[in-house]
Protein backbone atom coordinates (compact mmCIF):
# COMPACT_ATOMS: atom_id res chain seq x y z
CA UNK A 1 31.84 12.46 -12.95
CA UNK A 2 32.59 9.61 -10.59
CA UNK A 3 30.70 6.36 -10.19
CA UNK A 4 30.11 7.23 -6.53
CA UNK A 5 28.43 10.59 -7.27
CA UNK A 6 26.91 10.39 -10.75
CA UNK A 7 25.26 13.52 -12.15
CA UNK A 8 21.52 13.17 -12.50
CA UNK A 9 19.56 15.88 -14.27
CA UNK A 10 15.79 15.71 -13.89
CA UNK A 11 14.35 16.50 -17.31
CA UNK A 12 10.71 16.50 -16.26
CA UNK A 13 10.32 17.83 -12.74
CA UNK A 14 6.91 17.08 -11.26
CA UNK A 15 5.30 19.16 -8.53
CA UNK A 16 1.64 18.63 -7.73
CA UNK A 17 -0.62 20.71 -5.50
CA UNK A 18 -3.07 17.82 -4.97
CA UNK A 19 -2.73 14.03 -5.10
CA UNK A 20 -5.65 11.59 -5.16
CA UNK A 21 -4.39 8.08 -5.79
CA UNK A 22 -5.44 4.54 -5.04
CA UNK A 23 -2.87 1.75 -5.13
CA UNK A 24 -4.35 -1.62 -6.07
CA UNK A 25 -1.98 -4.29 -4.75
CA UNK A 26 -2.85 -7.82 -5.85
CA UNK A 27 0.54 -9.47 -5.32
CA UNK A 28 3.94 -8.52 -3.99
CA UNK A 29 6.93 -7.87 -6.18
CA UNK A 30 10.17 -6.94 -4.50
CA UNK A 31 12.99 -4.43 -4.68
CA UNK A 32 15.57 -6.49 -2.81
CA UNK A 33 13.61 -7.69 0.23
CA UNK A 34 11.24 -4.71 0.30
CA UNK A 35 7.80 -5.04 -1.33
CA UNK A 36 7.82 -2.56 -4.23
CA UNK A 37 4.30 -1.36 -3.43
CA UNK A 38 5.29 -0.30 0.09
CA UNK A 39 8.44 1.36 -1.27
CA UNK A 40 6.42 3.23 -3.91
CA UNK A 41 3.87 4.37 -1.33
CA UNK A 42 6.73 5.76 0.73
CA UNK A 43 8.08 7.61 -2.32
CA UNK A 44 4.77 9.29 -3.12
CA UNK A 45 4.32 10.25 0.54
CA UNK A 46 7.83 11.79 0.46
CA UNK A 47 6.87 13.73 -2.67
CA UNK A 48 3.58 14.91 -1.16
CA UNK A 49 5.42 16.13 1.92
CA UNK A 50 8.04 17.97 -0.16
CA UNK A 51 5.34 19.56 -2.34
CA UNK A 52 3.18 20.42 0.70
CA UNK A 53 0.34 19.05 -1.41
CA UNK A 54 -3.21 18.26 -0.38
CA UNK A 55 -3.56 14.50 -0.60
CA UNK A 56 -5.65 11.40 -0.25
CA UNK A 57 -3.68 8.18 -0.77
CA UNK A 58 -5.40 4.82 -0.36
CA UNK A 59 -3.94 1.35 -0.77
CA UNK A 60 -6.18 -1.69 -1.27
CA UNK A 61 -4.53 -5.05 -0.62
CA UNK A 62 -6.28 -7.99 -2.25
CA UNK A 63 -5.86 -11.39 -3.89
CA UNK A 64 -2.32 -12.67 -3.18
CA UNK A 65 -1.31 -9.59 -1.15
CA UNK A 66 -4.08 -9.59 1.45
CA UNK A 67 -1.79 -11.18 4.05
CA UNK A 68 0.14 -7.88 4.34
CA UNK A 69 -2.75 -6.58 6.48
CA UNK A 70 -2.81 -9.46 8.98
CA UNK A 71 -2.02 -9.36 12.69
CA UNK A 72 0.88 -11.56 13.78
CA UNK A 73 -1.01 -14.62 15.06
CA UNK A 74 -3.22 -15.05 12.01
CA UNK A 75 -0.29 -14.16 9.71
CA UNK A 76 1.69 -17.01 11.25
CA UNK A 77 -1.18 -19.46 10.76
CA UNK A 78 -1.94 -18.28 7.22
CA UNK A 79 1.68 -18.23 6.05
CA UNK A 80 2.84 -21.30 8.02
CA UNK A 81 5.53 -19.29 9.78
CA UNK A 82 6.25 -18.23 13.37
CA UNK A 83 7.95 -14.84 12.96
CA UNK A 84 4.85 -12.63 12.74
CA UNK A 85 3.91 -10.22 9.97
CA UNK A 86 7.18 -8.81 8.59
CA UNK A 87 5.29 -5.98 6.85
CA UNK A 88 3.47 -4.76 9.97
CA UNK A 89 5.92 -1.97 10.80
CA UNK A 90 6.04 -0.70 7.22
CA UNK A 91 2.24 -0.66 6.99
CA UNK A 92 1.88 1.10 10.34
CA UNK A 93 4.47 3.70 9.32
CA UNK A 94 2.58 4.43 6.08
CA UNK A 95 -0.66 4.76 8.03
CA UNK A 96 1.02 7.20 10.43
CA UNK A 97 2.05 9.24 7.38
CA UNK A 98 -1.56 9.44 6.17
CA UNK A 99 -2.01 6.44 3.87
CA UNK A 100 -5.45 4.83 4.26
CA UNK A 101 -4.99 1.05 4.17
CA UNK A 102 -7.82 -1.27 3.15
CA UNK A 103 -8.30 -5.01 2.75
CA UNK A 104 -10.57 -6.47 0.09
CA UNK A 105 -13.61 -8.07 1.74
CA UNK A 106 -13.77 -10.81 -0.89
CA UNK A 107 -10.15 -11.74 -0.19
CA UNK A 108 -10.87 -11.81 3.54
CA UNK A 109 -13.92 -14.05 3.01
CA UNK A 110 -12.02 -16.53 0.83
CA UNK A 111 -9.33 -16.85 3.50
CA UNK A 112 -11.74 -16.90 6.45
CA UNK A 113 -10.31 -13.72 7.99
CA UNK A 114 -12.41 -11.51 10.25
CA UNK A 115 -12.03 -7.94 11.47
CA UNK A 116 -10.09 -9.13 14.52
CA UNK A 117 -7.49 -10.78 12.29
CA UNK A 118 -6.20 -7.59 10.70
CA UNK A 119 -3.92 -4.85 11.96
CA UNK A 120 -5.62 -2.01 13.86
CA UNK A 121 -6.69 0.91 11.69
CA UNK A 122 -7.11 -1.09 8.48
CA UNK A 123 -10.60 -1.02 7.00
CA UNK A 124 -12.30 -3.79 5.05
CA UNK A 125 -14.16 -2.82 1.88
CA UNK A 126 -16.79 -4.77 -0.08
CA UNK A 127 -14.23 -5.94 -2.62
CA UNK A 128 -11.18 -4.46 -4.34
CA UNK A 129 -12.77 -4.12 -7.78
CA UNK A 130 -15.82 -2.25 -6.51
CA UNK A 131 -13.71 -0.01 -4.28
CA UNK A 132 -11.16 0.94 -6.93
CA UNK A 133 -13.99 1.58 -9.41
CA UNK A 134 -15.67 3.84 -6.85
CA UNK A 135 -12.46 5.78 -6.20
CA UNK A 136 -11.61 6.19 -9.91
CA UNK A 137 -15.12 7.54 -10.47
CA UNK A 138 -14.41 10.02 -7.65
CA UNK A 139 -11.30 11.25 -9.47
CA UNK A 140 -8.57 9.09 -7.94
CA UNK A 141 -5.75 7.87 -10.16
CA UNK A 142 -5.45 4.07 -9.99
CA UNK A 143 -1.95 2.66 -9.66
CA UNK A 144 -1.74 -1.12 -10.07
CA UNK A 145 1.08 -2.84 -8.19
CA UNK A 146 2.08 -6.46 -8.75
C-alpha cells in the first residue's frame, strides 16, 4: 500500500432507490475555499446519478447564507465587494443537475432583497423554518449545514 494509492474498503455501501432531502443552510463552512454545503450537494447528486435513483433535493439558504442566492450587483452591494457572486456558477450547476434552490423570505425581508435581486430560477419561500417543517412532514430528510 502506497501513500499515493491507499486501499479504501467501504464497509457500509449505500444504494438508495429514492432520495428526498432538504438541505438547510444557515451559514457557510468551508472545505478549502469551497462551501461545504455546495460540495455536499454535489456529492449527493453524484450518488443519485450513480444509483439511477428517483430524487427530490431542495436546498434552503437562510440567515447568514442567504447571500449565496444573490445576483452579482446586489451581491456586490451587500458584501461590500466588486467581484460579483463567487457562488453563482456552483449554484447554477446544481440547479442544472436538478437541485431546487430556495431563499428564505424572512432572510430576504431583513436584508431588503426582492425577487429581482436573486439569481434566476431560485424561489423564495415564506421562511426557512416553515419550509423545512413542511418538507419534513412530507417525508424529506433534513440535513443541516453550517
